[in-house]
Amino acid sequence: MKKQLILVFTLLLILSCDENRIDCSTVLCAGPPVFLFELISNDENVLENRTYTLETISVTGTDEASLILEIQPVQTGSGEITSLQLNNPTWEPQVYELTLKLGADFSIPLVIDMGLTEAESCCGGIPVVNAVSIDGEPQSLIGGPFFTVVLN
């Protein structure tokens, strides 16, 4: 009887343990995506040479009131560059049709398709980028949300 009780107790302990369950309080989740754009004209970064500043750059389109523009230095594999940062702390799962305007000189169509991570994971419900196109051209997301835009 004593052996059977120990066996039942051990069996209950083994069955009650769920090694696949993750303590989500120990998981660090990524925040919403921030897009970085290097803007090049005549082989020069137009933000570094101050051809365009925040005062001459705007974004219009879907949910434009929530969009935040900043000019930020970014460290890349080939050194530091100055980029335009496009942020929205409240990205929603939808397609954003935007136009990046550089003064009266350039209007660049941007389409950003946003989704959400799976709800069942610890980091569920966080905005993720599904697809991006710039001036009608689909962009690779392999390098993250960093894009070089050549102004024609």
C-alpha atoms as a PDB file:
ATOM      1  CA  MET A   1       0.000   0.000   0.000  1.00  0.00           C
ATOM      2  CA  LYS A   2       2.818   2.371   0.869  1.00  0.00           C
ATOM      3  CA  LYS A   3       4.527   1.677  -2.479  1.00  0.00           C
ATOM      4  CA  GLN A   4       1.287   2.311  -4.350  1.00  0.00           C
ATOM      5  CA  LEU A   5       0.758   5.626  -2.524  1.00  0.00           C
ATOM      6  CA  ILE A   6       4.296   6.766  -3.365  1.00  0.00           C
ATOM      7  CA  LEU A   7       3.805   5.705  -6.985  1.00  0.00           C
ATOM      8  CA  VAL A   8       0.481   7.598  -7.246  1.00  0.00           C
ATOM      9  CA  PHE A   9       2.015  10.689  -5.596  1.00  0.00           C
ATOM     10  CA  THR A  10       5.022  10.607  -7.973  1.00  0.00           C
ATOM     11  CA  LEU A  11       2.750  10.115 -10.965  1.00  0.00           C
ATOM     12  CA  LEU A  12       0.614  13.118  -9.929  1.00  0.00           C
ATOM     13  CA  LEU A  13       3.729  15.293  -9.585  1.00  0.00           C
ATOM     14  CA  ILE A  14       4.971  14.325 -13.030  1.00  0.00           C
ATOM     15  CA  LEU A  15       1.590  14.911 -14.685  1.00  0.00           C
ATOM     16  CA  SER A  16       1.004  18.248 -12.952  1.00  0.00           C
ATOM     17  CA  CYS A  17       4.298  19.736 -14.189  1.00  0.00           C
ATOM     18  CA  ASP A  18       3.978  21.655 -17.421  1.00  0.00           C
ATOM     19  CA  GLU A  19       7.462  22.286 -18.719  1.00  0.00           C
ATOM     20  CA  ASN A  20       6.085  23.955 -21.857  1.00  0.00           C
ATOM     21  CA  ARG A  21       4.502  26.792 -19.906  1.00  0.00           C
ATOM     22  CA  ILE A  22       6.599  29.974 -20.057  1.00  0.00           C
ATOM     23  CA  ASP A  23       6.684  32.595 -17.339  1.00  0.00           C
ATOM     24  CA  CYS A  24       5.779  35.641 -19.446  1.00  0.00           C
ATOM     25  CA  SER A  25       7.112  37.994 -16.779  1.00  0.00           C
ATOM     26  CA  THR A  26      10.614  36.877 -17.788  1.00  0.00           C
ATOM     27  CA  VAL A  27      10.114  37.525 -21.528  1.00  0.00           C
ATOM     28  CA  LEU A  28      11.281  40.783 -23.108  1.00  0.00           C
ATOM     29  CA  CYS A  29       8.979  41.733 -25.990  1.00  0.00           C
ATOM     30  CA  ALA A  30       9.819  44.072 -28.856  1.00  0.00           C
ATOM     31  CA  GLY A  31       7.891  47.315 -29.055  1.00  0.00           C
ATOM     32  CA  PRO A  32       6.062  48.715 -32.057  1.00  0.00           C
ATOM     33  CA  PRO A  33       8.194  49.098 -35.191  1.00  0.00           C
ATOM     34  CA  VAL A  34       9.960  52.345 -36.006  1.00  0.00           C
ATOM     35  CA  PHE A  35      10.784  52.992 -39.668  1.00  0.00           C
ATOM     36  CA  LEU A  36      14.077  54.574 -40.703  1.00  0.00           C
ATOM     37  CA  PHE A  37      14.591  56.190 -44.090  1.00  0.00           C
ATOM     38  CA  GLU A  38      17.906  57.267 -45.588  1.00  0.00           C
ATOM     39  CA  LEU A  39      17.100  59.901 -48.213  1.00  0.00           C
ATOM     40  CA  ILE A  40      19.655  60.170 -51.039  1.00  0.00           C
ATOM     41  CA  SER A  41      19.875  62.646 -53.916  1.00  0.00           C
ATOM     42  CA  ASN A  42      22.923  62.964 -56.200  1.00  0.00           C
ATOM     43  CA  ASP A  43      24.801  60.487 -53.968  1.00  0.00           C
ATOM     44  CA  GLU A  44      24.298  62.718 -50.914  1.00  0.00           C
ATOM     45  CA  ASN A  45      22.183  62.225 -47.815  1.00  0.00           C
ATOM     46  CA  VAL A  46      19.768  65.187 -47.976  1.00  0.00           C
ATOM     47  CA  LEU A  47      19.280  65.106 -44.208  1.00  0.00           C
ATOM     48  CA  GLU A  48      23.002  65.256 -43.449  1.00  0.00           C
ATOM     49  CA  ASN A  49      23.568  68.162 -45.829  1.00  0.00           C
ATOM     50  CA  ARG A  50      20.429  69.831 -44.434  1.00  0.00           C
ATOM     51  CA  THR A  51      18.713  70.174 -47.815  1.00  0.00           C
ATOM     52  CA  TYR A  52      15.613  69.079 -45.889  1.00  0.00           C
ATOM     53  CA  THR A  53      14.856  69.568 -42.198  1.00  0.00           C
ATOM     54  CA  LEU A  54      11.879  68.580 -40.049  1.00  0.00           C
ATOM     55  CA  GLU A  55      10.316  71.929 -40.934  1.00  0.00           C
ATOM     56  CA  THR A  56      10.254  70.968 -44.630  1.00  0.00           C
ATOM     57  CA  ILE A  57       9.268  67.296 -44.239  1.00  0.00           C
ATOM     58  CA  SER A  58       5.733  66.016 -43.644  1.00  0.00           C
ATOM     59  CA  VAL A  59       3.682  62.823 -43.863  1.00  0.00           C
ATOM     60  CA  THR A  60       0.048  62.739 -44.897  1.00  0.00           C
ATOM     61  CA  GLY A  61      -2.442  59.907 -45.155  1.00  0.00           C
ATOM     62  CA  THR A  62      -3.871  57.176 -42.937  1.00  0.00           C
ATOM     63  CA  ASP A  63      -3.874  58.148 -39.241  1.00  0.00           C
ATOM     64  CA  GLU A  64      -1.395  60.967 -39.912  1.00  0.00           C
ATOM     65  CA  ALA A  65      -2.118  62.654 -36.571  1.00  0.00           C
ATOM     66  CA  SER A  66      -0.517  59.690 -34.745  1.00  0.00           C
ATOM     67  CA  LEU A  67       2.681  59.731 -36.801  1.00  0.00           C
ATOM     68  CA  ILE A  68       5.873  61.138 -35.314  1.00  0.00           C
ATOM     69  CA  LEU A  69       8.771  62.294 -37.497  1.00  0.00           C
ATOM     70  CA  GLU A  70      12.310  62.771 -36.197  1.00  0.00           C
ATOM     71  CA  ILE A  71      15.743  63.089 -37.742  1.00  0.00           C
ATOM     72  CA  GLN A  72      18.095  60.673 -35.978  1.00  0.00           C
ATOM     73  CA  PRO A  73      21.622  59.367 -36.435  1.00  0.00           C
ATOM     74  CA  VAL A  74      21.689  55.583 -36.943  1.00  0.00           C
ATOM     75  CA  GLN A  75      24.649  53.258 -36.620  1.00  0.00           C
ATOM     76  CA  THR A  76      24.957  50.902 -39.583  1.00  0.00           C
ATOM     77  CA  GLY A  77      27.553  48.352 -40.622  1.00  0.00           C
ATOM     78  CA  SER A  78      29.259  51.020 -42.741  1.00  0.00           C
ATOM     79  CA  GLY A  79      29.152  53.793 -40.123  1.00  0.00           C
ATOM     80  CA  GLU A  80      26.735  56.389 -38.824  1.00  0.00           C
ATOM     81  CA  ILE A  81      24.138  57.946 -41.127  1.00  0.00           C
ATOM     82  CA  THR A  82      21.376  60.455 -40.595  1.00  0.00           C
ATOM     83  CA  SER A  83      17.906  59.052 -41.158  1.00  0.00           C
ATOM     84  CA  LEU A  84      14.295  60.092 -41.027  1.00  0.00           C
ATOM     85  CA  GLN A  85      12.486  58.180 -38.298  1.00  0.00           C
ATOM     86  CA  LEU A  86       8.772  57.451 -38.735  1.00  0.00           C
ATOM     87  CA  ASN A  87       7.076  56.273 -35.571  1.00  0.00           C
ATOM     88  CA  ASN A  88       3.519  55.623 -34.472  1.00  0.00           C
ATOM     89  CA  PRO A  89       3.071  54.463 -30.871  1.00  0.00           C
ATOM     90  CA  THR A  90      -0.437  53.253 -31.750  1.00  0.00           C
ATOM     91  CA  TRP A  91       0.051  51.194 -34.938  1.00  0.00           C
ATOM     92  CA  GLU A  92      -3.094  49.203 -35.696  1.00  0.00           C
ATOM     93  CA  PRO A  93      -3.424  46.095 -37.885  1.00  0.00           C
ATOM     94  CA  GLN A  94      -4.290  47.794 -41.164  1.00  0.00           C
ATOM     95  CA  VAL A  95      -2.781  49.127 -44.371  1.00  0.00           C
ATOM     96  CA  TYR A  96      -1.421  52.656 -44.015  1.00  0.00           C
ATOM     97  CA  GLU A  97      -1.345  54.640 -47.242  1.00  0.00           C
ATOM     98  CA  LEU A  98       0.983  57.569 -46.659  1.00  0.00           C
ATOM     99  CA  THR A  99       2.794  60.239 -48.630  1.00  0.00           C
ATOM    100  CA  LEU A 100       6.199  61.462 -47.497  1.00  0.00           C
ATOM    101  CA  LYS A 101       6.610  65.061 -48.663  1.00  0.00           C
ATOM    102  CA  LEU A 102       9.996  66.745 -48.920  1.00  0.00           C
ATOM    103  CA  GLY A 103       9.234  70.431 -49.343  1.00  0.00           C
ATOM    104  CA  ALA A 104       7.537  71.058 -52.663  1.00  0.00           C
ATOM    105  CA  ASP A 105      10.143  68.915 -54.433  1.00  0.00           C
ATOM    106  CA  PHE A 106       9.201  65.296 -53.739  1.00  0.00           C
ATOM    107  CA  SER A 107       6.076  63.324 -52.811  1.00  0.00           C
ATOM    108  CA  ILE A 108       6.910  59.698 -52.091  1.00  0.00           C
ATOM    109  CA  PRO A 109       4.032  57.208 -51.727  1.00  0.00           C
ATOM    110  CA  LEU A 110       4.487  54.758 -48.831  1.00  0.00           C
ATOM    111  CA  VAL A 111       2.263  51.753 -48.155  1.00  0.00           C
ATOM    112  CA  ILE A 112       2.795  50.029 -44.811  1.00  0.00           C
ATOM    113  CA  ASP A 113       0.834  46.862 -44.066  1.00  0.00           C
ATOM    114  CA  MET A 114       0.741  46.279 -40.306  1.00  0.00           C
ATOM    115  CA  GLY A 115      -0.405  43.165 -38.459  1.00  0.00           C
ATOM    116  CA  LEU A 116      -0.216  41.822 -34.909  1.00  0.00           C
ATOM    117  CA  THR A 117       1.829  39.031 -33.351  1.00  0.00           C
ATOM    118  CA  GLU A 118      -0.054  35.880 -32.349  1.00  0.00           C
ATOM    119  CA  ALA A 119      -2.284  36.508 -29.351  1.00  0.00           C
ATOM    120  CA  GLU A 120      -1.418  33.181 -27.682  1.00  0.00           C
ATOM    121  CA  SER A 121       2.258  33.990 -27.114  1.00  0.00           C
ATOM    122  CA  CYS A 122       3.703  36.085 -24.288  1.00  0.00           C
ATOM    123  CA  CYS A 123       4.298  38.883 -26.767  1.00  0.00           C
ATOM    124  CA  GLY A 124       0.909  38.578 -28.460  1.00  0.00           C
ATOM    125  CA  GLY A 125      -0.853  41.573 -29.897  1.00  0.00           C
ATOM    126  CA  ILE A 126       2.266  43.624 -30.669  1.00  0.00           C
ATOM    127  CA  PRO A 127       2.265  45.443 -34.026  1.00  0.00           C
ATOM    128  CA  VAL A 128       4.473  43.868 -36.704  1.00  0.00           C
ATOM    129  CA  VAL A 129       5.258  44.834 -40.281  1.00  0.00           C
ATOM    130  CA  ASN A 130       3.728  42.552 -42.911  1.00  0.00           C
ATOM    131  CA  ALA A 131       4.848  44.504 -45.991  1.00  0.00           C
ATOM    132  CA  VAL A 132       6.187  47.877 -47.122  1.00  0.00           C
ATOM    133  CA  SER A 133       6.237  49.481 -50.540  1.00  0.00           C
ATOM    134  CA  ILE A 134       7.910  52.753 -51.453  1.00  0.00           C
ATOM    135  CA  ASP A 135       6.823  54.523 -54.617  1.00  0.00           C
ATOM    136  CA  GLY A 136       4.975  51.363 -55.674  1.00  0.00           C
ATOM    137  CA  GLU A 137       8.007  49.076 -55.223  1.00  0.00           C
ATOM    138  CA  PRO A 138       7.764  46.266 -52.630  1.00  0.00           C
ATOM    139  CA  GLN A 139      10.627  46.452 -50.125  1.00  0.00           C
ATOM    140  CA  SER A 140      12.565  43.649 -48.480  1.00  0.00           C
ATOM    141  CA  LEU A 141      12.094  43.394 -44.723  1.00  0.00           C
ATOM    142  CA  ILE A 142      15.224  41.294 -44.214  1.00  0.00           C
ATOM    143  CA  GLY A 143      17.217  44.266 -42.887  1.00  0.00           C
ATOM    144  CA  GLY A 144      14.382  45.372 -40.644  1.00  0.00           C
ATOM    145  CA  PRO A 145      12.456  48.596 -41.111  1.00  0.00           C
ATOM    146  CA  PHE A 146      15.441  50.524 -42.581  1.00  0.00           C
ATOM    147  CA  PHE A 147      15.110  51.760 -46.135  1.00  0.00           C
ATOM    148  CA  THR A 148      17.203  53.819 -48.535  1.00  0.00           C
ATOM    149  CA  VAL A 149      15.137  56.092 -50.770  1.00  0.00           C
ATOM    150  CA  VAL A 150      16.844  57.499 -53.859  1.00  0.00           C
ATOM    151  CA  LEU A 151      15.194  60.749 -54.868  1.00  0.00           C
ATOM    152  CA  ASN A 152      14.831  61.267 -58.638  1.00  0.00           C
END
